[in-house]
PDB file of N, CA and C in Angstrom:
ATOM      1  N   VAL A   1      -5.617  -1.954 -17.043  1.00  0.00           N
ATOM      2  CA  VAL A   1      -5.455  -1.933 -15.590  1.00  0.00           C
ATOM      3  C   VAL A   1      -5.156  -0.514 -15.134  1.00  0.00           C
ATOM      4  N   GLN A   2      -5.893  -0.067 -14.138  1.00  0.00           N
ATOM      5  CA  GLN A   2      -5.644   1.257 -13.571  1.00  0.00           C
ATOM      6  C   GLN A   2      -5.662   1.151 -12.058  1.00  0.00           C
ATOM      7  N   LEU A   3      -4.653   1.737 -11.439  1.00  0.00           N
ATOM      8  CA  LEU A   3      -4.541   1.773  -9.990  1.00  0.00           C
ATOM      9  C   LEU A   3      -4.359   3.227  -9.576  1.00  0.00           C
ATOM     10  N   VAL A   4      -5.207   3.703  -8.672  1.00  0.00           N
ATOM     11  CA  VAL A   4      -5.153   5.099  -8.248  1.00  0.00           C
ATOM     12  C   VAL A   4      -5.056   5.154  -6.731  1.00  0.00           C
ATOM     13  N   GLU A   5      -3.883   5.585  -6.249  1.00  0.00           N
ATOM     14  CA  GLU A   5      -3.658   5.697  -4.810  1.00  0.00           C
ATOM     15  C   GLU A   5      -4.085   7.061  -4.302  1.00  0.00           C
ATOM     16  N   SER A   6      -4.457   7.088  -3.025  1.00  0.00           N
ATOM     17  CA  SER A   6      -4.791   8.342  -2.357  1.00  0.00           C
ATOM     18  C   SER A   6      -4.600   8.166  -0.862  1.00  0.00           C
ATOM     19  N   GLY A   7      -4.629   9.298  -0.151  1.00  0.00           N
ATOM     20  CA  GLY A   7      -4.581   9.237   1.307  1.00  0.00           C
ATOM     21  C   GLY A   7      -3.260   9.623   1.935  1.00  0.00           C
ATOM     22  N   GLY A   8      -2.244   9.863   1.125  1.00  0.00           N
ATOM     23  CA  GLY A   8      -0.962  10.263   1.686  1.00  0.00           C
ATOM     24  C   GLY A   8      -1.007  11.689   2.233  1.00  0.00           C
ATOM     25  N   GLY A   9       0.100  12.077   2.862  1.00  0.00           N
ATOM     26  CA  GLY A   9       0.178  13.424   3.397  1.00  0.00           C
ATOM     27  C   GLY A   9       1.300  13.564   4.394  1.00  0.00           C
ATOM     28  N   LEU A  10       1.281  14.688   5.081  1.00  0.00           N
ATOM     29  CA  LEU A  10       2.272  14.973   6.109  1.00  0.00           C
ATOM     30  C   LEU A  10       1.672  14.643   7.472  1.00  0.00           C
ATOM     31  N   VAL A  11       2.390  13.862   8.260  1.00  0.00           N
ATOM     32  CA  VAL A  11       1.901  13.458   9.573  1.00  0.00           C
ATOM     33  C   VAL A  11       3.065  13.486  10.557  1.00  0.00           C
ATOM     34  N   GLN A  12       2.750  13.755  11.810  1.00  0.00           N
ATOM     35  CA  GLN A  12       3.789  13.774  12.835  1.00  0.00           C
ATOM     36  C   GLN A  12       4.158  12.352  13.258  1.00  0.00           C
ATOM     37  N   PRO A  13       5.365  12.159  13.763  1.00  0.00           N
ATOM     38  CA  PRO A  13       5.728  10.839  14.295  1.00  0.00           C
ATOM     39  C   PRO A  13       4.711  10.373  15.323  1.00  0.00           C
ATOM     40  N   GLY A  14       4.360   9.089  15.223  1.00  0.00           N
ATOM     41  CA  GLY A  14       3.344   8.526  16.099  1.00  0.00           C
ATOM     42  C   GLY A  14       1.939   8.628  15.553  1.00  0.00           C
ATOM     43  N   GLY A  15       1.773   9.348  14.473  1.00  0.00           N
ATOM     44  CA  GLY A  15       0.453   9.533  13.894  1.00  0.00           C
ATOM     45  C   GLY A  15       0.039   8.380  12.998  1.00  0.00           C
ATOM     46  N   SER A  16      -1.130   8.556  12.373  1.00  0.00           N
ATOM     47  CA  SER A  16      -1.709   7.507  11.531  1.00  0.00           C
ATOM     48  C   SER A  16      -2.168   8.081  10.202  1.00  0.00           C
ATOM     49  N   LEU A  17      -2.178   7.228   9.209  1.00  0.00           N
ATOM     50  CA  LEU A  17      -2.750   7.533   7.895  1.00  0.00           C
ATOM     51  C   LEU A  17      -3.374   6.263   7.347  1.00  0.00           C
ATOM     52  N   ARG A  18      -4.401   6.441   6.510  1.00  0.00           N
ATOM     53  CA  ARG A  18      -4.947   5.309   5.785  1.00  0.00           C
ATOM     54  C   ARG A  18      -4.850   5.591   4.296  1.00  0.00           C
ATOM     55  N   LEU A  19      -4.106   4.757   3.591  1.00  0.00           N
ATOM     56  CA  LEU A  19      -3.986   4.862   2.147  1.00  0.00           C
ATOM     57  C   LEU A  19      -5.057   4.005   1.485  1.00  0.00           C
ATOM     58  N   SER A  20      -5.516   4.465   0.327  1.00  0.00           N
ATOM     59  CA  SER A  20      -6.474   3.707  -0.467  1.00  0.00           C
ATOM     60  C   SER A  20      -5.931   3.540  -1.877  1.00  0.00           C
ATOM     61  N   CYS A  21      -6.312   2.444  -2.508  1.00  0.00           N
ATOM     62  CA  CYS A  21      -5.958   2.204  -3.902  1.00  0.00           C
ATOM     63  C   CYS A  21      -7.193   1.684  -4.609  1.00  0.00           C
ATOM     64  N   ALA A  22      -7.723   2.490  -5.509  1.00  0.00           N
ATOM     65  CA  ALA A  22      -8.896   2.107  -6.293  1.00  0.00           C
ATOM     66  C   ALA A  22      -8.431   1.453  -7.586  1.00  0.00           C
ATOM     67  N   ALA A  23      -8.928   0.251  -7.837  1.00  0.00           N
ATOM     68  CA  ALA A  23      -8.478  -0.536  -8.988  1.00  0.00           C
ATOM     69  C   ALA A  23      -9.587  -0.686 -10.007  1.00  0.00           C
ATOM     70  N   SER A  24      -9.205  -0.777 -11.272  1.00  0.00           N
ATOM     71  CA  SER A  24     -10.167  -1.011 -12.342  1.00  0.00           C
ATOM     72  C   SER A  24      -9.457  -1.662 -13.522  1.00  0.00           C
ATOM     73  N   GLY A  25     -10.251  -2.238 -14.400  1.00  0.00           N
ATOM     74  CA  GLY A  25      -9.693  -2.809 -15.615  1.00  0.00           C
ATOM     75  C   GLY A  25      -9.337  -4.291 -15.538  1.00  0.00           C
ATOM     76  N   PHE A  26      -9.651  -4.900 -14.404  1.00  0.00           N
ATOM     77  CA  PHE A  26      -9.399  -6.329 -14.249  1.00  0.00           C
ATOM     78  C   PHE A  26     -10.334  -6.852 -13.157  1.00  0.00           C
ATOM     79  N   THR A  27     -10.379  -8.167 -13.014  1.00  0.00           N
ATOM     80  CA  THR A  27     -11.241  -8.773 -12.002  1.00  0.00           C
ATOM     81  C   THR A  27     -10.533  -8.712 -10.659  1.00  0.00           C
ATOM     82  N   PHE A  28     -10.823  -7.656  -9.928  1.00  0.00           N
ATOM     83  CA  PHE A  28     -10.101  -7.335  -8.692  1.00  0.00           C
ATOM     84  C   PHE A  28     -10.095  -8.498  -7.715  1.00  0.00           C
ATOM     85  N   SER A  29     -11.223  -9.159  -7.556  1.00  0.00           N
ATOM     86  CA  SER A  29     -11.364 -10.201  -6.539  1.00  0.00           C
ATOM     87  C   SER A  29     -10.576 -11.462  -6.856  1.00  0.00           C
ATOM     88  N   SER A  30      -9.925 -11.508  -8.009  1.00  0.00           N
ATOM     89  CA  SER A  30      -9.172 -12.700  -8.407  1.00  0.00           C
ATOM     90  C   SER A  30      -7.672 -12.593  -8.137  1.00  0.00           C
ATOM     91  N   TYR A  31      -7.236 -11.427  -7.687  1.00  0.00           N
ATOM     92  CA  TYR A  31      -5.793 -11.195  -7.590  1.00  0.00           C
ATOM     93  C   TYR A  31      -5.361 -10.727  -6.205  1.00  0.00           C
ATOM     94  N   ALA A  32      -4.163 -11.189  -5.815  1.00  0.00           N
ATOM     95  CA  ALA A  32      -3.515 -10.607  -4.652  1.00  0.00           C
ATOM     96  C   ALA A  32      -3.130  -9.165  -4.965  1.00  0.00           C
ATOM     97  N   MET A  33      -3.106  -8.355  -3.935  1.00  0.00           N
ATOM     98  CA  MET A  33      -2.732  -6.943  -4.076  1.00  0.00           C
ATOM     99  C   MET A  33      -1.626  -6.617  -3.081  1.00  0.00           C
ATOM    100  N   SER A  34      -0.777  -5.676  -3.470  1.00  0.00           N
ATOM    101  CA  SER A  34       0.365  -5.327  -2.631  1.00  0.00           C
ATOM    102  C   SER A  34       0.522  -3.828  -2.508  1.00  0.00           C
ATOM    103  N   TRP A  35       1.191  -3.440  -1.443  1.00  0.00           N
ATOM    104  CA  TRP A  35       1.668  -2.064  -1.269  1.00  0.00           C
ATOM    105  C   TRP A  35       3.198  -2.111  -1.217  1.00  0.00           C
ATOM    106  N   TYR A  36       3.809  -1.226  -1.960  1.00  0.00           N
ATOM    107  CA  TYR A  36       5.259  -1.028  -1.947  1.00  0.00           C
ATOM    108  C   TYR A  36       5.534   0.422  -1.551  1.00  0.00           C
ATOM    109  N   ARG A  37       6.777   0.676  -1.205  1.00  0.00           N
ATOM    110  CA  ARG A  37       7.207   2.049  -0.958  1.00  0.00           C
ATOM    111  C   ARG A  37       8.636   2.245  -1.454  1.00  0.00           C
ATOM    112  N   GLN A  38       8.908   3.507  -1.762  1.00  0.00           N
ATOM    113  CA  GLN A  38      10.249   3.854  -2.212  1.00  0.00           C
ATOM    114  C   GLN A  38      10.635   5.194  -1.623  1.00  0.00           C
ATOM    115  N   ALA A  39      11.698   5.166  -0.847  1.00  0.00           N
ATOM    116  CA  ALA A  39      12.237   6.398  -0.275  1.00  0.00           C
ATOM    117  C   ALA A  39      13.322   6.941  -1.203  1.00  0.00           C
ATOM    118  N   PRO A  40      13.600   8.244  -1.154  1.00  0.00           N
ATOM    119  CA  PRO A  40      14.636   8.826  -2.018  1.00  0.00           C
ATOM    120  C   PRO A  40      15.965   8.105  -1.860  1.00  0.00           C
ATOM    121  N   GLY A  41      16.545   7.712  -2.983  1.00  0.00           N
ATOM    122  CA  GLY A  41      17.849   7.061  -2.960  1.00  0.00           C
ATOM    123  C   GLY A  41      17.834   5.597  -2.569  1.00  0.00           C
ATOM    124  N   LYS A  42      16.638   5.052  -2.383  1.00  0.00           N
ATOM    125  CA  LYS A  42      16.521   3.650  -1.981  1.00  0.00           C
ATOM    126  C   LYS A  42      15.707   2.869  -3.002  1.00  0.00           C
ATOM    127  N   GLU A  43      15.856   1.554  -2.955  1.00  0.00           N
ATOM    128  CA  GLU A  43      15.079   0.698  -3.850  1.00  0.00           C
ATOM    129  C   GLU A  43      13.645   0.581  -3.362  1.00  0.00           C
ATOM    130  N   ARG A  44      12.772   0.301  -4.304  1.00  0.00           N
ATOM    131  CA  ARG A  44      11.370   0.068  -3.940  1.00  0.00           C
ATOM    132  C   ARG A  44      11.302  -1.227  -3.137  1.00  0.00           C
ATOM    133  N   GLU A  45      10.531  -1.217  -2.049  1.00  0.00           N
ATOM    134  CA  GLU A  45      10.431  -2.392  -1.192  1.00  0.00           C
ATOM    135  C   GLU A  45       8.983  -2.771  -0.948  1.00  0.00           C
ATOM    136  N   LEU A  46       8.762  -4.072  -0.795  1.00  0.00           N
ATOM    137  CA  LEU A  46       7.426  -4.574  -0.489  1.00  0.00           C
ATOM    138  C   LEU A  46       7.078  -4.252   0.960  1.00  0.00           C
ATOM    139  N   VAL A  47       5.912  -3.679   1.151  1.00  0.00           N
ATOM    140  CA  VAL A  47       5.445  -3.326   2.493  1.00  0.00           C
ATOM    141  C   VAL A  47       4.453  -4.364   3.008  1.00  0.00           C
ATOM    142  N   ALA A  48       3.470  -4.705   2.175  1.00  0.00           N
ATOM    143  CA  ALA A  48       2.428  -5.629   2.611  1.00  0.00           C
ATOM    144  C   ALA A  48       1.752  -6.235   1.387  1.00  0.00           C
ATOM    145  N   ILE A  49       1.227  -7.447   1.569  1.00  0.00           N
ATOM    146  CA  ILE A  49       0.518  -8.135   0.497  1.00  0.00           C
ATOM    147  C   ILE A  49      -0.684  -8.857   1.094  1.00  0.00           C
ATOM    148  N   ILE A  50      -1.768  -8.878   0.337  1.00  0.00           N
ATOM    149  CA  ILE A  50      -2.989  -9.535   0.784  1.00  0.00           C
ATOM    150  C   ILE A  50      -3.499 -10.413  -0.355  1.00  0.00           C
ATOM    151  N   ASN A  51      -3.990 -11.618  -0.009  1.00  0.00           N
ATOM    152  CA  ASN A  51      -4.458 -12.510  -1.075  1.00  0.00           C
ATOM    153  C   ASN A  51      -5.802 -12.057  -1.607  1.00  0.00           C
ATOM    154  N   SER A  52      -6.318 -12.783  -2.570  1.00  0.00           N
ATOM    155  CA  SER A  52      -7.481 -12.313  -3.320  1.00  0.00           C
ATOM    156  C   SER A  52      -8.737 -12.161  -2.467  1.00  0.00           C
ATOM    157  N   VAL A  53      -8.856 -12.991  -1.422  1.00  0.00           N
ATOM    158  CA  VAL A  53     -10.076 -12.933  -0.605  1.00  0.00           C
ATOM    159  C   VAL A  53      -9.829 -12.276   0.748  1.00  0.00           C
ATOM    160  N   GLY A  54      -8.593 -11.859   0.995  1.00  0.00           N
ATOM    161  CA  GLY A  54      -8.280 -11.146   2.231  1.00  0.00           C
ATOM    162  C   GLY A  54      -7.982 -12.034   3.416  1.00  0.00           C
ATOM    163  N   GLY A  55      -7.857 -13.340   3.183  1.00  0.00           N
ATOM    164  CA  GLY A  55      -7.630 -14.244   4.293  1.00  0.00           C
ATOM    165  C   GLY A  55      -6.178 -14.431   4.668  1.00  0.00           C
ATOM    166  N   SER A  56      -5.284 -13.964   3.834  1.00  0.00           N
ATOM    167  CA  SER A  56      -3.852 -14.116   4.100  1.00  0.00           C
ATOM    168  C   SER A  56      -3.147 -12.791   3.857  1.00  0.00           C
ATOM    169  N   ARG A  57      -2.354 -12.380   4.822  1.00  0.00           N
ATOM    170  CA  ARG A  57      -1.638 -11.106   4.738  1.00  0.00           C
ATOM    171  C   ARG A  57      -0.205 -11.307   5.207  1.00  0.00           C
ATOM    172  N   ASN A  58       0.692 -10.623   4.573  1.00  0.00           N
ATOM    173  CA  ASN A  58       2.092 -10.656   4.994  1.00  0.00           C
ATOM    174  C   ASN A  58       2.659  -9.248   4.971  1.00  0.00           C
ATOM    175  N   TYR A  59       3.619  -9.020   5.864  1.00  0.00           N
ATOM    176  CA  TYR A  59       4.169  -7.684   6.038  1.00  0.00           C
ATOM    177  C   TYR A  59       5.687  -7.713   6.073  1.00  0.00           C
ATOM    178  N   ALA A  60       6.286  -6.612   5.678  1.00  0.00           N
ATOM    179  CA  ALA A  60       7.709  -6.420   5.899  1.00  0.00           C
ATOM    180  C   ALA A  60       7.952  -6.342   7.407  1.00  0.00           C
ATOM    181  N   ASP A  61       9.100  -6.835   7.837  1.00  0.00           N
ATOM    182  CA  ASP A  61       9.407  -6.820   9.268  1.00  0.00           C
ATOM    183  C   ASP A  61       9.356  -5.404   9.847  1.00  0.00           C
ATOM    184  N   SER A  62       9.720  -4.438   9.034  1.00  0.00           N
ATOM    185  CA  SER A  62       9.813  -3.063   9.519  1.00  0.00           C
ATOM    186  C   SER A  62       8.447  -2.449   9.842  1.00  0.00           C
ATOM    187  N   VAL A  63       7.363  -3.059   9.348  1.00  0.00           N
ATOM    188  CA  VAL A  63       6.035  -2.479   9.583  1.00  0.00           C
ATOM    189  C   VAL A  63       5.100  -3.403  10.352  1.00  0.00           C
ATOM    190  N   LYS A  64       5.551  -4.611  10.660  1.00  0.00           N
ATOM    191  CA  LYS A  64       4.700  -5.561  11.389  1.00  0.00           C
ATOM    192  C   LYS A  64       4.242  -4.973  12.714  1.00  0.00           C
ATOM    193  N   GLY A  65       2.967  -5.149  12.985  1.00  0.00           N
ATOM    194  CA  GLY A  65       2.400  -4.636  14.227  1.00  0.00           C
ATOM    195  C   GLY A  65       1.977  -3.183  14.157  1.00  0.00           C
ATOM    196  N   ARG A  66       2.345  -2.497  13.084  1.00  0.00           N
ATOM    197  CA  ARG A  66       1.989  -1.075  12.937  1.00  0.00           C
ATOM    198  C   ARG A  66       1.077  -0.846  11.740  1.00  0.00           C
ATOM    199  N   PHE A  67       1.274  -1.594  10.668  1.00  0.00           N
ATOM    200  CA  PHE A  67       0.502  -1.416   9.431  1.00  0.00           C
ATOM    201  C   PHE A  67      -0.468  -2.581   9.271  1.00  0.00           C
ATOM    202  N   THR A  68      -1.617  -2.297   8.665  1.00  0.00           N
ATOM    203  CA  THR A  68      -2.599  -3.325   8.368  1.00  0.00           C
ATOM    204  C   THR A  68      -3.100  -3.149   6.938  1.00  0.00           C
ATOM    205  N   ILE A  69      -2.958  -4.202   6.139  1.00  0.00           N
ATOM    206  CA  ILE A  69      -3.495  -4.184   4.775  1.00  0.00           C
ATOM    207  C   ILE A  69      -4.871  -4.843   4.796  1.00  0.00           C
ATOM    208  N   SER A  70      -5.793  -4.282   4.028  1.00  0.00           N
ATOM    209  CA  SER A  70      -7.127  -4.867   3.921  1.00  0.00           C
ATOM    210  C   SER A  70      -7.671  -4.563   2.534  1.00  0.00           C
ATOM    211  N   ARG A  71      -8.786  -5.195   2.202  1.00  0.00           N
ATOM    212  CA  ARG A  71      -9.382  -4.968   0.884  1.00  0.00           C
ATOM    213  C   ARG A  71     -10.891  -5.078   0.990  1.00  0.00           C
ATOM    214  N   ASP A  72     -11.548  -4.396   0.072  1.00  0.00           N
ATOM    215  CA  ASP A  72     -12.998  -4.467  -0.072  1.00  0.00           C
ATOM    216  C   ASP A  72     -13.262  -4.844  -1.523  1.00  0.00           C
ATOM    217  N   ASN A  73     -13.540  -6.103  -1.762  1.00  0.00           N
ATOM    218  CA  ASN A  73     -13.723  -6.567  -3.138  1.00  0.00           C
ATOM    219  C   ASN A  73     -14.996  -6.004  -3.779  1.00  0.00           C
ATOM    220  N   ALA A  74     -15.950  -5.591  -2.976  1.00  0.00           N
ATOM    221  CA  ALA A  74     -17.161  -4.970  -3.518  1.00  0.00           C
ATOM    222  C   ALA A  74     -16.859  -3.568  -4.052  1.00  0.00           C
ATOM    223  N   LYS A  75     -15.813  -2.939  -3.519  1.00  0.00           N
ATOM    224  CA  LYS A  75     -15.444  -1.588  -3.946  1.00  0.00           C
ATOM    225  C   LYS A  75     -14.180  -1.565  -4.798  1.00  0.00           C
ATOM    226  N   ASN A  76     -13.616  -2.739  -5.080  1.00  0.00           N
ATOM    227  CA  ASN A  76     -12.371  -2.814  -5.866  1.00  0.00           C
ATOM    228  C   ASN A  76     -11.286  -1.922  -5.287  1.00  0.00           C
ATOM    229  N   THR A  77     -11.145  -1.978  -3.982  1.00  0.00           N
ATOM    230  CA  THR A  77     -10.218  -1.089  -3.298  1.00  0.00           C
ATOM    231  C   THR A  77      -9.393  -1.868  -2.278  1.00  0.00           C
ATOM    232  N   VAL A  78      -8.110  -1.526  -2.204  1.00  0.00           N
ATOM    233  CA  VAL A  78      -7.223  -2.069  -1.187  1.00  0.00           C
ATOM    234  C   VAL A  78      -6.731  -0.909  -0.324  1.00  0.00           C
ATOM    235  N   TYR A  79      -6.570  -1.183   0.956  1.00  0.00           N
ATOM    236  CA  TYR A  79      -6.215  -0.145   1.916  1.00  0.00           C
ATOM    237  C   TYR A  79      -4.916  -0.493   2.633  1.00  0.00           C
ATOM    238  N   LEU A  80      -4.276   0.531   3.163  1.00  0.00           N
ATOM    239  CA  LEU A  80      -3.137   0.338   4.048  1.00  0.00           C
ATOM    240  C   LEU A  80      -3.301   1.298   5.214  1.00  0.00           C
ATOM    241  N   LEU A  81      -3.630   0.743   6.373  1.00  0.00           N
ATOM    242  CA  LEU A  81      -3.734   1.544   7.584  1.00  0.00           C
ATOM    243  C   LEU A  81      -2.369   1.562   8.252  1.00  0.00           C
ATOM    244  N   MET A  82      -1.862   2.760   8.463  1.00  0.00           N
ATOM    245  CA  MET A  82      -0.519   2.913   9.017  1.00  0.00           C
ATOM    246  C   MET A  82      -0.614   3.640  10.352  1.00  0.00           C
ATOM    247  N   ASN A  83      -0.245   2.947  11.416  1.00  0.00           N
ATOM    248  CA  ASN A  83      -0.240   3.519  12.757  1.00  0.00           C
ATOM    249  C   ASN A  83       1.185   3.669  13.265  1.00  0.00           C
ATOM    250  N   SER A  84       1.333   4.436  14.317  1.00  0.00           N
ATOM    251  CA  SER A  84       2.655   4.630  14.953  1.00  0.00           C
ATOM    252  C   SER A  84       3.726   4.953  13.922  1.00  0.00           C
ATOM    253  N   LEU A  85       3.414   5.891  13.068  1.00  0.00           N
ATOM    254  CA  LEU A  85       4.327   6.209  11.967  1.00  0.00           C
ATOM    255  C   LEU A  85       5.640   6.794  12.483  1.00  0.00           C
ATOM    256  N   LYS A  86       6.708   6.443  11.765  1.00  0.00           N
ATOM    257  CA  LYS A  86       8.055   6.872  12.107  1.00  0.00           C
ATOM    258  C   LYS A  86       8.639   7.673  10.946  1.00  0.00           C
ATOM    259  N   PRO A  87       9.618   8.513  11.208  1.00  0.00           N
ATOM    260  CA  PRO A  87      10.242   9.254  10.103  1.00  0.00           C
ATOM    261  C   PRO A  87      10.767   8.333   9.000  1.00  0.00           C
ATOM    262  N   GLU A  88      11.211   7.145   9.374  1.00  0.00           N
ATOM    263  CA  GLU A  88      11.730   6.222   8.359  1.00  0.00           C
ATOM    264  C   GLU A  88      10.644   5.607   7.487  1.00  0.00           C
ATOM    265  N   ASP A  89       9.386   5.870   7.794  1.00  0.00           N
ATOM    266  CA  ASP A  89       8.291   5.447   6.921  1.00  0.00           C
ATOM    267  C   ASP A  89       8.062   6.429   5.779  1.00  0.00           C
ATOM    268  N   THR A  90       8.756   7.546   5.804  1.00  0.00           N
ATOM    269  CA  THR A  90       8.621   8.542   4.743  1.00  0.00           C
ATOM    270  C   THR A  90       9.037   7.944   3.407  1.00  0.00           C
ATOM    271  N   ALA A  91       8.126   8.002   2.443  1.00  0.00           N
ATOM    272  CA  ALA A  91       8.370   7.399   1.129  1.00  0.00           C
ATOM    273  C   ALA A  91       7.178   7.681   0.228  1.00  0.00           C
ATOM    274  N   MET A  92       7.357   7.359  -1.047  1.00  0.00           N
ATOM    275  CA  MET A  92       6.218   7.288  -1.964  1.00  0.00           C
ATOM    276  C   MET A  92       5.670   5.871  -1.860  1.00  0.00           C
ATOM    277  N   TYR A  93       4.385   5.770  -1.673  1.00  0.00           N
ATOM    278  CA  TYR A  93       3.733   4.479  -1.524  1.00  0.00           C
ATOM    279  C   TYR A  93       2.960   4.137  -2.796  1.00  0.00           C
ATOM    280  N   TYR A  94       3.157   2.906  -3.257  1.00  0.00           N
ATOM    281  CA  TYR A  94       2.559   2.457  -4.509  1.00  0.00           C
ATOM    282  C   TYR A  94       1.714   1.206  -4.299  1.00  0.00           C
ATOM    283  N   CYS A  95       0.620   1.159  -5.002  1.00  0.00           N
ATOM    284  CA  CYS A  95      -0.221  -0.024  -5.084  1.00  0.00           C
ATOM    285  C   CYS A  95       0.285  -0.881  -6.242  1.00  0.00           C
ATOM    286  N   ASN A  96       0.178  -2.194  -6.112  1.00  0.00           N
ATOM    287  CA  ASN A  96       0.715  -3.095  -7.137  1.00  0.00           C
ATOM    288  C   ASN A  96      -0.170  -4.308  -7.326  1.00  0.00           C
ATOM    289  N   ILE A  97      -0.265  -4.730  -8.604  1.00  0.00           N
ATOM    290  CA  ILE A  97      -0.821  -6.033  -8.928  1.00  0.00           C
ATOM    291  C   ILE A  97       0.112  -6.698  -9.931  1.00  0.00           C
ATOM    292  N   ARG A  98       0.338  -7.977  -9.753  1.00  0.00           N
ATOM    293  CA  ARG A  98       1.103  -8.755 -10.726  1.00  0.00           C
ATOM    294  C   ARG A  98       0.114  -9.627 -11.480  1.00  0.00           C
ATOM    295  N   ARG A  99       0.028  -9.404 -12.769  1.00  0.00           N
ATOM    296  CA  ARG A  99      -0.981 -10.092 -13.581  1.00  0.00           C
ATOM    297  C   ARG A  99      -0.302 -10.642 -14.813  1.00  0.00           C
ATOM    298  N   TYR A 100      -0.391 -11.946 -15.013  1.00  0.00           N
ATOM    299  CA  TYR A 100       0.255 -12.628 -16.139  1.00  0.00           C
ATOM    300  C   TYR A 100       1.751 -12.295 -16.186  1.00  0.00           C
ATOM    301  N   GLY A 101       2.368 -12.245 -15.017  1.00  0.00           N
ATOM    302  CA  GLY A 101       3.796 -12.015 -14.935  1.00  0.00           C
ATOM    303  C   GLY A 101       4.230 -10.572 -15.111  1.00  0.00           C
ATOM    304  N   TYR A 102       3.288  -9.669 -15.230  1.00  0.00           N
ATOM    305  CA  TYR A 102       3.619  -8.260 -15.432  1.00  0.00           C
ATOM    306  C   TYR A 102       3.155  -7.454 -14.231  1.00  0.00           C
ATOM    307  N   ASP A 103       4.014  -6.530 -13.792  1.00  0.00           N
ATOM    308  CA  ASP A 103       3.687  -5.679 -12.655  1.00  0.00           C
ATOM    309  C   ASP A 103       3.021  -4.394 -13.116  1.00  0.00           C
ATOM    310  N   TYR A 104       1.884  -4.092 -12.501  1.00  0.00           N
ATOM    311  CA  TYR A 104       1.186  -2.837 -12.749  1.00  0.00           C
ATOM    312  C   TYR A 104       1.304  -1.969 -11.487  1.00  0.00           C
ATOM    313  N   TRP A 105       1.499  -0.662 -11.715  1.00  0.00           N
ATOM    314  CA  TRP A 105       1.701   0.281 -10.617  1.00  0.00           C
ATOM    315  C   TRP A 105       0.763   1.473 -10.755  1.00  0.00           C
ATOM    316  N   GLY A 106       0.404   2.038  -9.620  1.00  0.00           N
ATOM    317  CA  GLY A 106      -0.272   3.320  -9.641  1.00  0.00           C
ATOM    318  C   GLY A 106       0.747   4.440  -9.698  1.00  0.00           C
ATOM    319  N   GLN A 107       0.242   5.675  -9.579  1.00  0.00           N
ATOM    320  CA  GLN A 107       1.139   6.836  -9.656  1.00  0.00           C
ATOM    321  C   GLN A 107       1.818   7.118  -8.333  1.00  0.00           C
ATOM    322  N   GLY A 108       1.319   6.490  -7.267  1.00  0.00           N
ATOM    323  CA  GLY A 108       1.905   6.662  -5.950  1.00  0.00           C
ATOM    324  C   GLY A 108       1.259   7.779  -5.153  1.00  0.00           C
ATOM    325  N   THR A 109       1.407   7.686  -3.846  1.00  0.00           N
ATOM    326  CA  THR A 109       0.967   8.749  -2.938  1.00  0.00           C
ATOM    327  C   THR A 109       2.069   8.975  -1.911  1.00  0.00           C
ATOM    328  N   GLN A 110       2.410  10.225  -1.697  1.00  0.00           N
ATOM    329  CA  GLN A 110       3.547  10.567  -0.838  1.00  0.00           C
ATOM    330  C   GLN A 110       3.136  10.565   0.633  1.00  0.00           C
ATOM    331  N   VAL A 111       3.934   9.894   1.440  1.00  0.00           N
ATOM    332  CA  VAL A 111       3.774   9.915   2.893  1.00  0.00           C
ATOM    333  C   VAL A 111       5.037  10.520   3.493  1.00  0.00           C
ATOM    334  N   THR A 112       4.846  11.572   4.261  1.00  0.00           N
ATOM    335  CA  THR A 112       5.962  12.235   4.926  1.00  0.00           C
ATOM    336  C   THR A 112       5.692  12.274   6.422  1.00  0.00           C
ATOM    337  N   VAL A 113       6.615  11.704   7.185  1.00  0.00           N
ATOM    338  CA  VAL A 113       6.485  11.665   8.640  1.00  0.00           C
ATOM    339  C   VAL A 113       7.554  12.588   9.232  1.00  0.00           C
ATOM    340  N   SER A 114       7.092  13.685   9.786  1.00  0.00           N
ATOM    341  CA  SER A 114       8.031  14.690  10.284  1.00  0.00           C
ATOM    342  C   SER A 114       7.345  15.577  11.303  1.00  0.00           C
ATOM    343  N   SER A 115       8.133  16.033  12.258  1.00  0.00           N
ATOM    344  CA  SER A 115       7.607  16.972  13.246  1.00  0.00           C
ATOM    345  C   SER A 115       7.869  18.406  12.808  1.00  0.00           C
TER     346      SER A 115
END
């Protein structure tokens, strides 16, 4: 299993970013995919999750209405569109799959929201 995140960067408050996670090594279309984030000194938290076919999505309360998770099963890629970004969204963002009870993680992509 390999997960490779990209798309992070420095953005001003109110701005937008789209994160991507390219997956390989497993049957992507069979698994739910998630995005987590971890800010310095804080625990890793679930941001959003999407089911295997993209018909069901759930979000952390802190990002509802601002973030959208989506997936393209033909490209083995999951996305996180982040709008109206706030300084408190600053964190390392990780892609995740839970397979046979084991969590797989990418290397993460840094998102920094600052003026």
